PDB file of N, CA and C in Angstrom:
ATOM      1  N   MET A   1       0.827  -1.200  -0.011  1.00  0.00           N
ATOM      2  CA  MET A   1       0.006   0.001  -0.006  1.00  0.00           C
ATOM      3  C   MET A   1       0.900   1.229  -0.011  1.00  0.00           C
ATOM      4  N   ALA A   2       0.671   2.142  -0.927  1.00  0.00           N
ATOM      5  CA  ALA A   2       1.485   3.365  -1.042  1.00  0.00           C
ATOM      6  C   ALA A   2       0.987   4.399  -0.016  1.00  0.00           C
ATOM      7  N   LYS A   3       1.944   5.117   0.469  1.00  0.00           N
ATOM      8  CA  LYS A   3       1.674   6.215   1.402  1.00  0.00           C
ATOM      9  C   LYS A   3       1.184   7.420   0.617  1.00  0.00           C
ATOM     10  N   ASP A   4       0.289   8.132   1.222  1.00  0.00           N
ATOM     11  CA  ASP A   4      -0.277   9.353   0.642  1.00  0.00           C
ATOM     12  C   ASP A   4       0.446  10.564   1.174  1.00  0.00           C
ATOM     13  N   ALA A   5       1.200  11.272   0.339  1.00  0.00           N
ATOM     14  CA  ALA A   5       1.976  12.426   0.792  1.00  0.00           C
ATOM     15  C   ALA A   5       1.129  13.569   1.185  1.00  0.00           C
ATOM     16  N   THR A   6      -0.168  13.633   0.814  1.00  0.00           N
ATOM     17  CA  THR A   6      -0.966  14.802   1.143  1.00  0.00           C
ATOM     18  C   THR A   6      -1.668  14.656   2.501  1.00  0.00           C
ATOM     19  N   ASN A   7      -1.874  13.475   2.987  1.00  0.00           N
ATOM     20  CA  ASN A   7      -2.547  13.272   4.287  1.00  0.00           C
ATOM     21  C   ASN A   7      -1.514  12.919   5.373  1.00  0.00           C
ATOM     22  N   THR A   8      -1.111  13.980   6.099  1.00  0.00           N
ATOM     23  CA  THR A   8      -0.137  13.789   7.164  1.00  0.00           C
ATOM     24  C   THR A   8      -0.816  13.107   8.362  1.00  0.00           C
ATOM     25  N   PRO A   9      -0.221  11.988   8.839  1.00  0.00           N
ATOM     26  CA  PRO A   9      -0.806  11.372  10.037  1.00  0.00           C
ATOM     27  C   PRO A   9      -0.537  12.178  11.272  1.00  0.00           C
ATOM     28  N   PRO A  10      -1.387  11.983  12.319  1.00  0.00           N
ATOM     29  CA  PRO A  10      -1.223  12.673  13.590  1.00  0.00           C
ATOM     30  C   PRO A  10       0.192  12.459  14.171  1.00  0.00           C
ATOM     31  N   GLY A  11       0.779  13.547  14.723  1.00  0.00           N
ATOM     32  CA  GLY A  11       2.065  13.481  15.372  1.00  0.00           C
ATOM     33  C   GLY A  11       3.219  13.695  14.420  1.00  0.00           C
ATOM     34  N   GLU A  12       2.932  13.832  13.117  1.00  0.00           N
ATOM     35  CA  GLU A  12       3.996  14.038  12.126  1.00  0.00           C
ATOM     36  C   GLU A  12       3.989  15.510  11.625  1.00  0.00           C
ATOM     37  N   CYS A  13       5.167  15.935  11.181  1.00  0.00           N
ATOM     38  CA  CYS A  13       5.315  17.277  10.586  1.00  0.00           C
ATOM     39  C   CYS A  13       4.817  17.169   9.125  1.00  0.00           C
ATOM     40  N   PRO A  14       3.947  18.057   8.698  1.00  0.00           N
ATOM     41  CA  PRO A  14       3.462  17.984   7.316  1.00  0.00           C
ATOM     42  C   PRO A  14       4.581  18.107   6.286  1.00  0.00           C
ATOM     43  N   GLN A  15       5.545  19.001   6.516  1.00  0.00           N
ATOM     44  CA  GLN A  15       6.657  19.183   5.580  1.00  0.00           C
ATOM     45  C   GLN A  15       7.504  17.948   5.483  1.00  0.00           C
ATOM     46  N   CYS A  16       7.868  17.404   6.655  1.00  0.00           N
ATOM     47  CA  CYS A  16       8.745  16.209   6.697  1.00  0.00           C
ATOM     48  C   CYS A  16       7.976  15.040   6.024  1.00  0.00           C
ATOM     49  N   TRP A  17       6.731  14.911   6.281  1.00  0.00           N
ATOM     50  CA  TRP A  17       5.960  13.775   5.673  1.00  0.00           C
ATOM     51  C   TRP A  17       5.896  13.918   4.141  1.00  0.00           C
ATOM     52  N   GLN A  18       5.640  15.155   3.681  1.00  0.00           N
ATOM     53  CA  GLN A  18       5.552  15.322   2.230  1.00  0.00           C
ATOM     54  C   GLN A  18       6.908  15.112   1.568  1.00  0.00           C
ATOM     55  N   HIS A  19       7.972  15.636   2.171  1.00  0.00           N
ATOM     56  CA  HIS A  19       9.279  15.454   1.618  1.00  0.00           C
ATOM     57  C   HIS A  19       9.776  14.023   1.603  1.00  0.00           C
ATOM     58  N   ALA A  20       9.329  13.284   2.620  1.00  0.00           N
ATOM     59  CA  ALA A  20       9.697  11.830   2.694  1.00  0.00           C
ATOM     60  C   ALA A  20       8.989  11.005   1.701  1.00  0.00           C
ATOM     61  N   HIS A  21       7.747  11.345   1.321  1.00  0.00           N
ATOM     62  CA  HIS A  21       6.899  10.466   0.478  1.00  0.00           C
ATOM     63  C   HIS A  21       6.640  11.037  -0.925  1.00  0.00           C
ATOM     64  N   ASN A  22       7.183  12.173  -1.283  1.00  0.00           N
ATOM     65  CA  ASN A  22       6.987  12.724  -2.614  1.00  0.00           C
ATOM     66  C   ASN A  22       8.378  12.924  -3.267  1.00  0.00           C
ATOM     67  N   ARG A  23       8.784  11.955  -4.096  1.00  0.00           N
ATOM     68  CA  ARG A  23      10.111  11.962  -4.678  1.00  0.00           C
ATOM     69  C   ARG A  23      10.271  13.165  -5.677  1.00  0.00           C
ATOM     70  N   ALA A  24       9.241  13.772  -6.174  1.00  0.00           N
ATOM     71  CA  ALA A  24       9.390  14.852  -7.104  1.00  0.00           C
ATOM     72  C   ALA A  24      10.014  16.127  -6.456  1.00  0.00           C
ATOM     73  N   ILE A  25       9.866  16.231  -5.173  1.00  0.00           N
ATOM     74  CA  ILE A  25      10.348  17.431  -4.440  1.00  0.00           C
ATOM     75  C   ILE A  25      11.868  17.480  -4.491  1.00  0.00           C
ATOM     76  N   HIS A  26      12.546  16.359  -4.350  1.00  0.00           N
ATOM     77  CA  HIS A  26      13.992  16.336  -4.345  1.00  0.00           C
ATOM     78  C   HIS A  26      14.656  15.954  -5.695  1.00  0.00           C
ATOM     79  N   ARG A  27      13.850  15.805  -6.667  1.00  0.00           N
ATOM     80  CA  ARG A  27      14.381  15.346  -7.957  1.00  0.00           C
ATOM     81  C   ARG A  27      15.410  16.301  -8.566  1.00  0.00           C
ATOM     82  N   ASN A  28      15.216  17.573  -8.413  1.00  0.00           N
ATOM     83  CA  ASN A  28      16.101  18.573  -9.043  1.00  0.00           C
ATOM     84  C   ASN A  28      17.123  19.230  -8.096  1.00  0.00           C
ATOM     85  N   GLN A  29      17.232  18.665  -6.864  1.00  0.00           N
ATOM     86  CA  GLN A  29      18.136  19.239  -5.904  1.00  0.00           C
ATOM     87  C   GLN A  29      19.582  18.693  -6.139  1.00  0.00           C
ATOM     88  N   PRO A  30      20.569  19.581  -6.058  1.00  0.00           N
ATOM     89  CA  PRO A  30      21.960  19.093  -6.183  1.00  0.00           C
ATOM     90  C   PRO A  30      22.312  18.240  -4.947  1.00  0.00           C
ATOM     91  N   ARG A  31      22.752  17.010  -5.195  1.00  0.00           N
ATOM     92  CA  ARG A  31      23.186  16.069  -4.166  1.00  0.00           C
ATOM     93  C   ARG A  31      22.090  15.833  -3.126  1.00  0.00           C
ATOM     94  N   GLY A  32      20.864  16.167  -3.394  1.00  0.00           N
ATOM     95  CA  GLY A  32      19.746  15.902  -2.427  1.00  0.00           C
ATOM     96  C   GLY A  32      19.705  16.915  -1.312  1.00  0.00           C
ATOM     97  N   ASP A  33      20.444  18.019  -1.408  1.00  0.00           N
ATOM     98  CA  ASP A  33      20.454  19.037  -0.356  1.00  0.00           C
ATOM     99  C   ASP A  33      19.273  19.996  -0.479  1.00  0.00           C
ATOM    100  N   CYS A  34      18.179  19.600   0.085  1.00  0.00           N
ATOM    101  CA  CYS A  34      16.958  20.452   0.016  1.00  0.00           C
ATOM    102  C   CYS A  34      17.028  21.492   1.110  1.00  0.00           C
ATOM    103  N   PRO A  35      16.944  22.813   0.842  1.00  0.00           N
ATOM    104  CA  PRO A  35      17.005  23.792   1.864  1.00  0.00           C
ATOM    105  C   PRO A  35      16.015  23.598   3.008  1.00  0.00           C
ATOM    106  N   GLN A  36      14.797  23.182   2.699  1.00  0.00           N
ATOM    107  CA  GLN A  36      13.777  22.983   3.718  1.00  0.00           C
ATOM    108  C   GLN A  36      14.168  21.803   4.628  1.00  0.00           C
ATOM    109  N   CYS A  37      14.679  20.792   4.060  1.00  0.00           N
ATOM    110  CA  CYS A  37      15.115  19.586   4.862  1.00  0.00           C
ATOM    111  C   CYS A  37      16.310  19.915   5.727  1.00  0.00           C
ATOM    112  N   VAL A  38      17.261  20.638   5.173  1.00  0.00           N
ATOM    113  CA  VAL A  38      18.445  21.050   5.954  1.00  0.00           C
ATOM    114  C   VAL A  38      17.994  21.903   7.139  1.00  0.00           C
ATOM    115  N   ASP A  39      17.089  22.826   6.944  1.00  0.00           N
ATOM    116  CA  ASP A  39      16.579  23.679   7.979  1.00  0.00           C
ATOM    117  C   ASP A  39      15.912  22.826   9.059  1.00  0.00           C
ATOM    118  N   HIS A  40      15.131  21.878   8.656  1.00  0.00           N
ATOM    119  CA  HIS A  40      14.477  20.988   9.643  1.00  0.00           C
ATOM    120  C   HIS A  40      15.519  20.161  10.415  1.00  0.00           C
ATOM    121  N   MET A  41      16.572  19.685   9.780  1.00  0.00           N
ATOM    122  CA  MET A  41      17.603  18.936  10.442  1.00  0.00           C
ATOM    123  C   MET A  41      18.325  19.738  11.490  1.00  0.00           C
ATOM    124  N   LEU A  42      18.519  21.057  11.198  1.00  0.00           N
ATOM    125  CA  LEU A  42      19.230  21.897  12.117  1.00  0.00           C
ATOM    126  C   LEU A  42      18.344  22.472  13.195  1.00  0.00           C
ATOM    127  N   ASN A  43      17.101  22.850  12.882  1.00  0.00           N
ATOM    128  CA  ASN A  43      16.248  23.567  13.807  1.00  0.00           C
ATOM    129  C   ASN A  43      15.048  22.746  14.291  1.00  0.00           C
ATOM    130  N   GLY A  44      14.834  21.607  13.790  1.00  0.00           N
ATOM    131  CA  GLY A  44      13.674  20.816  14.186  1.00  0.00           C
ATOM    132  C   GLY A  44      12.402  21.191  13.443  1.00  0.00           C
ATOM    133  N   CYS A  45      11.336  20.519  13.720  1.00  0.00           N
ATOM    134  CA  CYS A  45      10.032  20.728  13.029  1.00  0.00           C
ATOM    135  C   CYS A  45       9.263  21.809  13.782  1.00  0.00           C
ATOM    136  N   PRO A  46       8.858  22.853  13.074  1.00  0.00           N
ATOM    137  CA  PRO A  46       8.161  23.974  13.744  1.00  0.00           C
ATOM    138  C   PRO A  46       6.661  23.636  14.044  1.00  0.00           C
ATOM    139  N   ASN A  47       6.098  22.734  13.290  1.00  0.00           N
ATOM    140  CA  ASN A  47       4.638  22.410  13.521  1.00  0.00           C
ATOM    141  C   ASN A  47       4.414  20.948  13.201  1.00  0.00           C
ATOM    142  N   LYS A  48       3.566  20.304  14.013  1.00  0.00           N
ATOM    143  CA  LYS A  48       3.233  18.937  13.765  1.00  0.00           C
ATOM    144  C   LYS A  48       1.727  18.799  13.860  1.00  0.00           C
ATOM    145  N   VAL A  49       1.204  17.838  13.154  1.00  0.00           N
ATOM    146  CA  VAL A  49      -0.256  17.609  13.192  1.00  0.00           C
ATOM    147  C   VAL A  49      -0.569  17.076  14.617  1.00  0.00           C
ATOM    148  N   PRO A  50      -1.528  17.678  15.311  1.00  0.00           N
ATOM    149  CA  PRO A  50      -1.783  17.247  16.658  1.00  0.00           C
ATOM    150  C   PRO A  50      -2.340  15.824  16.737  1.00  0.00           C
ATOM    151  N   LYS A  51      -1.954  15.094  17.776  1.00  0.00           N
ATOM    152  CA  LYS A  51      -2.483  13.762  17.966  1.00  0.00           C
ATOM    153  C   LYS A  51      -3.843  13.828  18.651  1.00  0.00           C
ATOM    154  N   LYS A  52      -4.640  12.798  18.442  1.00  0.00           N
ATOM    155  CA  LYS A  52      -5.947  12.737  19.131  1.00  0.00           C
ATOM    156  C   LYS A  52      -5.674  12.475  20.589  1.00  0.00           C
ATOM    157  N   LYS A  53      -6.546  13.063  21.448  1.00  0.00           N
ATOM    158  CA  LYS A  53      -6.435  12.845  22.859  1.00  0.00           C
ATOM    159  C   LYS A  53      -6.769  11.350  23.152  1.00  0.00           C
ATOM    160  N   SER A  54      -5.990  10.808  24.038  1.00  0.00           N
ATOM    161  CA  SER A  54      -6.143   9.393  24.422  1.00  0.00           C
ATOM    162  C   SER A  54      -6.949   9.339  25.698  1.00  0.00           C
ATOM    163  N   PHE A  55      -7.831   8.367  25.776  1.00  0.00           N
ATOM    164  CA  PHE A  55      -8.604   8.201  27.027  1.00  0.00           C
ATOM    165  C   PHE A  55      -7.713   7.681  28.144  1.00  0.00           C
ATOM    166  N   TRP A  56      -6.736   6.880  27.795  1.00  0.00           N
ATOM    167  CA  TRP A  56      -5.876   6.235  28.869  1.00  0.00           C
ATOM    168  C   TRP A  56      -4.849   7.243  29.209  1.00  0.00           C
TER     169      TRP A  56
END
């Protein structure tokens, strides 16, 4: 089953999810150095999809 790059699961960063599952984003990058990915590696993810509240 293929992953859908447009539907970010709870607890994941939308940008990281899309960049991990959409090969077209990095296709034209020199050596795979995507500025957005490098920024995330250095500074972390600024926003994540909130997880659902757990009863337990």
